[in-house]
Amino acid sequence: MTHPKGTALVEQDLALIYVEEKPAFYARVEQITPDVKPRWWRVKFLMLTVPPQIMTWIIDDEQIRGADFTMGGTPIRIEKLVLPEEPEVPRPTEDSESRQQKQARILSLGDKKKAR
């Protein structure tokens, strides 16, 4: 799931990198430091590619929030991801837990070897 534009990346965020308007690969933001130019940032990514790579891109305030830009004439966009919530697994009640214990059988691998 993607995050709405306007929210800046922060360290440890996951992002989907678009190249030429197509999803290309995922990356994790390792470090963000200010660049020498005001309102520009040095963003160190761990590119989750095969093999993984570490790259630092210099991007501005708008690009860190998902605005389109180009690198060497190639259109690029960084889209922040919001991970889905893990579904809550219902916990067994005491009645179902004791029923499961009564039905459980322990098989010893040692006994099986002797039976052969």
N, C-alpha and C. Protein backbone atom coordinates (compact mmCIF):
# COMPACT_ATOMS: atom_id res chain seq x y z
N MET A 1 0.84 -1.16 0.00
CA MET A 1 0.00 0.00 0.00
C MET A 1 0.90 1.24 0.00
N THR A 2 0.56 2.21 -0.76
CA THR A 2 1.37 3.41 -0.85
C THR A 2 0.83 4.48 0.08
N HIS A 3 1.67 5.40 0.41
CA HIS A 3 1.31 6.49 1.29
C HIS A 3 0.97 7.71 0.44
N PRO A 4 0.01 8.53 0.87
CA PRO A 4 -0.33 9.71 0.07
C PRO A 4 0.86 10.64 -0.08
N LYS A 5 0.93 11.30 -1.24
CA LYS A 5 2.02 12.25 -1.47
C LYS A 5 1.97 13.34 -0.42
N GLY A 6 3.13 13.86 -0.12
CA GLY A 6 3.19 14.95 0.85
C GLY A 6 3.86 14.54 2.14
N THR A 7 3.94 13.24 2.43
CA THR A 7 4.61 12.78 3.64
C THR A 7 6.05 12.43 3.28
N ALA A 8 6.98 13.09 3.94
CA ALA A 8 8.39 12.88 3.63
C ALA A 8 8.87 11.52 4.13
N LEU A 9 9.85 10.99 3.42
CA LEU A 9 10.52 9.76 3.86
C LEU A 9 11.28 10.05 5.15
N VAL A 10 11.37 9.05 5.99
CA VAL A 10 12.23 9.11 7.18
C VAL A 10 13.08 7.85 7.20
N GLU A 11 14.11 7.86 8.01
CA GLU A 11 15.00 6.70 8.10
C GLU A 11 14.21 5.45 8.48
N GLN A 12 14.57 4.34 7.86
CA GLN A 12 13.98 3.01 8.04
C GLN A 12 12.65 2.83 7.28
N ASP A 13 12.20 3.86 6.56
CA ASP A 13 11.01 3.71 5.71
C ASP A 13 11.32 2.77 4.55
N LEU A 14 10.30 2.09 4.07
CA LEU A 14 10.41 1.33 2.84
C LEU A 14 9.79 2.16 1.73
N ALA A 15 10.39 2.07 0.56
CA ALA A 15 9.89 2.84 -0.59
C ALA A 15 9.88 1.95 -1.82
N LEU A 16 8.95 2.27 -2.71
CA LEU A 16 8.90 1.64 -4.02
C LEU A 16 9.45 2.66 -5.01
N ILE A 17 10.47 2.27 -5.74
CA ILE A 17 11.10 3.17 -6.70
C ILE A 17 10.52 2.89 -8.08
N TYR A 18 9.99 3.93 -8.69
CA TYR A 18 9.45 3.84 -10.05
C TYR A 18 10.51 4.36 -11.02
N VAL A 19 10.71 3.63 -12.09
CA VAL A 19 11.62 4.04 -13.16
C VAL A 19 10.79 4.05 -14.44
N GLU A 20 10.80 5.17 -15.12
CA GLU A 20 9.99 5.34 -16.33
C GLU A 20 8.52 4.98 -16.07
N GLU A 21 8.01 5.46 -14.93
CA GLU A 21 6.60 5.33 -14.52
C GLU A 21 6.15 3.89 -14.26
N LYS A 22 7.11 2.97 -14.07
CA LYS A 22 6.79 1.58 -13.75
C LYS A 22 7.49 1.19 -12.46
N PRO A 23 6.82 0.42 -11.58
CA PRO A 23 7.49 -0.04 -10.36
C PRO A 23 8.74 -0.84 -10.74
N ALA A 24 9.88 -0.50 -10.15
CA ALA A 24 11.13 -1.16 -10.52
C ALA A 24 11.72 -2.00 -9.39
N PHE A 25 11.77 -1.44 -8.17
CA PHE A 25 12.33 -2.18 -7.04
C PHE A 25 11.99 -1.47 -5.74
N TYR A 26 12.18 -2.20 -4.65
CA TYR A 26 11.98 -1.64 -3.31
C TYR A 26 13.32 -1.18 -2.76
N ALA A 27 13.24 -0.25 -1.81
CA ALA A 27 14.45 0.23 -1.13
C ALA A 27 14.09 0.59 0.31
N ARG A 28 15.08 0.50 1.17
CA ARG A 28 14.91 0.96 2.56
C ARG A 28 15.77 2.19 2.76
N VAL A 29 15.22 3.20 3.41
CA VAL A 29 15.96 4.43 3.69
C VAL A 29 16.88 4.16 4.88
N GLU A 30 18.17 4.24 4.64
CA GLU A 30 19.16 3.98 5.69
C GLU A 30 19.52 5.24 6.47
N GLN A 31 19.66 6.35 5.74
CA GLN A 31 20.12 7.59 6.39
C GLN A 31 19.68 8.78 5.56
N ILE A 32 19.30 9.86 6.23
CA ILE A 32 18.96 11.12 5.57
C ILE A 32 19.76 12.22 6.24
N THR A 33 20.55 12.93 5.43
CA THR A 33 21.33 14.05 5.96
C THR A 33 21.13 15.25 5.05
N PRO A 34 21.23 16.46 5.61
CA PRO A 34 21.07 17.65 4.77
C PRO A 34 22.22 17.75 3.77
N ASP A 35 21.90 18.22 2.57
CA ASP A 35 22.91 18.50 1.56
C ASP A 35 23.43 19.92 1.80
N VAL A 36 24.47 20.30 1.08
CA VAL A 36 25.01 21.67 1.22
C VAL A 36 24.00 22.71 0.70
N LYS A 37 23.18 22.32 -0.28
CA LYS A 37 22.16 23.23 -0.81
C LYS A 37 20.95 23.20 0.12
N PRO A 38 20.40 24.36 0.46
CA PRO A 38 19.21 24.39 1.32
C PRO A 38 18.04 23.65 0.65
N ARG A 39 17.25 22.92 1.47
CA ARG A 39 16.07 22.18 1.04
C ARG A 39 16.40 20.98 0.15
N TRP A 40 17.64 20.53 0.19
CA TRP A 40 18.06 19.32 -0.52
C TRP A 40 18.60 18.34 0.50
N TRP A 41 18.47 17.04 0.20
CA TRP A 41 18.82 15.99 1.14
C TRP A 41 19.67 14.92 0.48
N ARG A 42 20.60 14.36 1.24
CA ARG A 42 21.34 13.17 0.81
C ARG A 42 20.65 11.98 1.46
N VAL A 43 20.05 11.14 0.61
CA VAL A 43 19.29 10.00 1.11
C VAL A 43 20.03 8.72 0.71
N LYS A 44 20.46 8.00 1.74
CA LYS A 44 21.18 6.74 1.52
C LYS A 44 20.14 5.61 1.54
N PHE A 45 20.06 4.87 0.44
CA PHE A 45 19.11 3.77 0.28
C PHE A 45 19.83 2.43 0.27
N LEU A 46 19.20 1.44 0.85
CA LEU A 46 19.57 0.05 0.62
C LEU A 46 18.60 -0.43 -0.44
N MET A 47 19.10 -0.59 -1.67
CA MET A 47 18.26 -1.03 -2.78
C MET A 47 18.06 -2.53 -2.64
N LEU A 48 16.82 -2.95 -2.51
CA LEU A 48 16.50 -4.35 -2.31
C LEU A 48 16.41 -5.04 -3.67
N THR A 49 17.56 -5.14 -4.29
CA THR A 49 17.71 -5.75 -5.61
C THR A 49 18.60 -6.98 -5.45
N VAL A 50 18.81 -7.69 -6.53
CA VAL A 50 19.72 -8.84 -6.50
C VAL A 50 20.90 -8.50 -7.38
N PRO A 51 22.08 -8.30 -6.85
CA PRO A 51 22.40 -8.26 -5.42
C PRO A 51 21.97 -6.92 -4.81
N PRO A 52 21.82 -6.86 -3.47
CA PRO A 52 21.47 -5.59 -2.83
C PRO A 52 22.57 -4.56 -3.07
N GLN A 53 22.17 -3.30 -3.15
CA GLN A 53 23.14 -2.22 -3.37
C GLN A 53 22.83 -1.07 -2.43
N ILE A 54 23.86 -0.32 -2.09
CA ILE A 54 23.66 0.91 -1.32
C ILE A 54 23.98 2.08 -2.23
N MET A 55 23.04 3.03 -2.30
CA MET A 55 23.23 4.22 -3.13
C MET A 55 22.78 5.44 -2.34
N THR A 56 23.44 6.55 -2.60
CA THR A 56 23.01 7.81 -2.01
C THR A 56 22.55 8.72 -3.14
N TRP A 57 21.31 9.19 -3.02
CA TRP A 57 20.75 10.12 -3.98
C TRP A 57 20.59 11.47 -3.32
N ILE A 58 20.82 12.53 -4.06
CA ILE A 58 20.59 13.88 -3.58
C ILE A 58 19.27 14.33 -4.17
N ILE A 59 18.27 14.52 -3.29
CA ILE A 59 16.93 14.89 -3.74
C ILE A 59 16.43 16.08 -2.95
N ASP A 60 15.45 16.79 -3.52
CA ASP A 60 14.95 17.99 -2.85
C ASP A 60 13.72 17.69 -2.01
N ASP A 61 13.17 18.74 -1.37
CA ASP A 61 12.01 18.59 -0.47
C ASP A 61 10.81 17.95 -1.15
N GLU A 62 10.57 18.27 -2.40
CA GLU A 62 9.41 17.73 -3.12
C GLU A 62 9.64 16.26 -3.50
N GLN A 63 10.84 15.94 -3.93
CA GLN A 63 11.16 14.57 -4.35
C GLN A 63 11.13 13.60 -3.18
N ILE A 64 11.52 14.08 -2.00
CA ILE A 64 11.50 13.21 -0.81
C ILE A 64 10.06 12.94 -0.37
N ARG A 65 9.12 13.71 -0.93
CA ARG A 65 7.68 13.54 -0.65
C ARG A 65 6.94 12.89 -1.83
N GLY A 66 7.67 12.38 -2.83
CA GLY A 66 7.04 11.63 -3.90
C GLY A 66 6.90 12.33 -5.23
N ALA A 67 7.46 13.53 -5.38
CA ALA A 67 7.37 14.24 -6.66
C ALA A 67 8.26 13.56 -7.70
N ASP A 68 7.82 13.62 -8.96
CA ASP A 68 8.60 13.05 -10.07
C ASP A 68 9.87 13.88 -10.28
N PHE A 69 10.93 13.18 -10.72
CA PHE A 69 12.17 13.86 -11.11
C PHE A 69 12.87 12.98 -12.13
N THR A 70 13.98 13.44 -12.65
CA THR A 70 14.73 12.63 -13.61
C THR A 70 16.17 12.46 -13.13
N MET A 71 16.76 11.34 -13.54
CA MET A 71 18.18 11.08 -13.32
C MET A 71 18.75 10.71 -14.67
N GLY A 72 19.60 11.54 -15.18
CA GLY A 72 20.18 11.29 -16.50
C GLY A 72 19.11 11.18 -17.58
N GLY A 73 18.03 11.93 -17.41
CA GLY A 73 16.94 11.92 -18.38
C GLY A 73 15.90 10.83 -18.14
N THR A 74 16.13 9.94 -17.18
CA THR A 74 15.19 8.85 -16.88
C THR A 74 14.22 9.30 -15.79
N PRO A 75 12.91 9.22 -16.05
CA PRO A 75 11.93 9.59 -15.01
C PRO A 75 12.00 8.64 -13.81
N ILE A 76 12.01 9.24 -12.61
CA ILE A 76 12.10 8.49 -11.34
C ILE A 76 11.03 9.04 -10.40
N ARG A 77 10.50 8.17 -9.55
CA ARG A 77 9.62 8.61 -8.46
C ARG A 77 9.84 7.68 -7.28
N ILE A 78 9.89 8.24 -6.09
CA ILE A 78 10.06 7.48 -4.85
C ILE A 78 8.71 7.51 -4.13
N GLU A 79 8.14 6.35 -3.90
CA GLU A 79 6.84 6.27 -3.26
C GLU A 79 6.98 5.59 -1.91
N LYS A 80 6.67 6.31 -0.85
CA LYS A 80 6.75 5.77 0.51
C LYS A 80 5.69 4.69 0.69
N LEU A 81 6.08 3.58 1.32
CA LEU A 81 5.15 2.49 1.56
C LEU A 81 4.69 2.50 3.01
N VAL A 82 3.43 2.13 3.19
CA VAL A 82 2.90 1.89 4.52
C VAL A 82 2.58 0.41 4.56
N LEU A 83 3.22 -0.29 5.46
CA LEU A 83 3.04 -1.74 5.54
C LEU A 83 1.66 -2.07 6.09
N PRO A 84 1.05 -3.15 5.59
CA PRO A 84 -0.26 -3.55 6.11
C PRO A 84 -0.14 -4.02 7.55
N GLU A 85 -1.20 -3.82 8.30
CA GLU A 85 -1.24 -4.30 9.68
C GLU A 85 -1.34 -5.82 9.67
N GLU A 86 -0.65 -6.46 10.58
CA GLU A 86 -0.74 -7.91 10.69
C GLU A 86 -2.08 -8.25 11.33
N PRO A 87 -2.85 -9.18 10.73
CA PRO A 87 -4.16 -9.51 11.31
C PRO A 87 -3.99 -10.15 12.68
N GLU A 88 -4.91 -9.84 13.56
CA GLU A 88 -4.86 -10.39 14.91
C GLU A 88 -5.38 -11.82 14.88
N VAL A 89 -4.60 -12.73 15.43
CA VAL A 89 -4.98 -14.14 15.47
C VAL A 89 -5.76 -14.36 16.76
N PRO A 90 -6.98 -14.93 16.65
CA PRO A 90 -7.75 -15.15 17.88
C PRO A 90 -7.05 -16.16 18.79
N ARG A 91 -7.03 -15.85 20.07
CA ARG A 91 -6.41 -16.75 21.04
C ARG A 91 -7.41 -17.83 21.44
N PRO A 92 -6.93 -19.06 21.61
CA PRO A 92 -7.87 -20.13 22.00
C PRO A 92 -8.39 -19.90 23.41
N THR A 93 -9.64 -20.29 23.64
CA THR A 93 -10.21 -20.19 24.98
C THR A 93 -9.70 -21.35 25.81
N GLU A 94 -9.93 -21.30 27.12
CA GLU A 94 -9.45 -22.38 28.00
C GLU A 94 -10.09 -23.70 27.64
N ASP A 95 -11.39 -23.69 27.28
CA ASP A 95 -12.09 -24.93 26.93
C ASP A 95 -11.46 -25.57 25.69
N SER A 96 -11.23 -24.77 24.64
CA SER A 96 -10.67 -25.34 23.41
C SER A 96 -9.22 -25.75 23.63
N GLU A 97 -8.52 -25.05 24.53
CA GLU A 97 -7.12 -25.39 24.82
C GLU A 97 -7.05 -26.74 25.53
N SER A 98 -7.93 -26.96 26.52
CA SER A 98 -7.89 -28.24 27.25
C SER A 98 -8.35 -29.38 26.34
N ARG A 99 -9.29 -29.12 25.42
CA ARG A 99 -9.73 -30.12 24.46
C ARG A 99 -8.57 -30.51 23.54
N GLN A 100 -7.79 -29.52 23.10
CA GLN A 100 -6.65 -29.80 22.24
C GLN A 100 -5.60 -30.63 22.97
N GLN A 101 -5.40 -30.34 24.27
CA GLN A 101 -4.42 -31.10 25.03
C GLN A 101 -4.87 -32.56 25.17
N LYS A 102 -6.17 -32.80 25.35
CA LYS A 102 -6.68 -34.17 25.48
C LYS A 102 -6.53 -34.92 24.17
N GLN A 103 -6.67 -34.23 23.04
CA GLN A 103 -6.59 -34.88 21.74
C GLN A 103 -5.15 -35.06 21.27
N ALA A 104 -4.21 -34.33 21.84
CA ALA A 104 -2.83 -34.38 21.37
C ALA A 104 -2.18 -35.70 21.73
N ARG A 105 -1.37 -36.22 20.80
CA ARG A 105 -0.62 -37.44 21.02
C ARG A 105 0.85 -37.13 20.80
N ILE A 106 1.69 -37.62 21.66
CA ILE A 106 3.12 -37.42 21.49
C ILE A 106 3.70 -38.67 20.87
N LEU A 107 4.37 -38.49 19.76
CA LEU A 107 5.02 -39.61 19.09
C LEU A 107 6.51 -39.51 19.32
N SER A 108 7.10 -40.56 19.81
CA SER A 108 8.53 -40.58 20.05
C SER A 108 9.23 -41.15 18.83
N LEU A 109 10.18 -40.44 18.31
CA LEU A 109 10.95 -40.95 17.17
C LEU A 109 11.79 -42.16 17.59
N GLY A 110 12.18 -42.20 18.84
CA GLY A 110 12.95 -43.35 19.34
C GLY A 110 12.14 -44.63 19.27
N ASP A 111 10.84 -44.57 19.62
CA ASP A 111 9.97 -45.75 19.56
C ASP A 111 9.78 -46.22 18.13
N LYS A 112 9.70 -45.28 17.19
CA LYS A 112 9.51 -45.64 15.79
C LYS A 112 10.72 -46.41 15.26
N LYS A 113 11.91 -46.00 15.63
CA LYS A 113 13.13 -46.67 15.18
C LYS A 113 13.19 -48.10 15.69
N LYS A 114 12.75 -48.34 16.93
CA LYS A 114 12.76 -49.69 17.52
C LYS A 114 11.77 -50.59 16.82
N ALA A 115 10.66 -50.02 16.33
CA ALA A 115 9.59 -50.81 15.70
C ALA A 115 10.02 -51.36 14.35
N ARG A 116 11.03 -50.80 13.72
CA ARG A 116 11.45 -51.24 12.37
C ARG A 116 12.13 -52.54 12.40
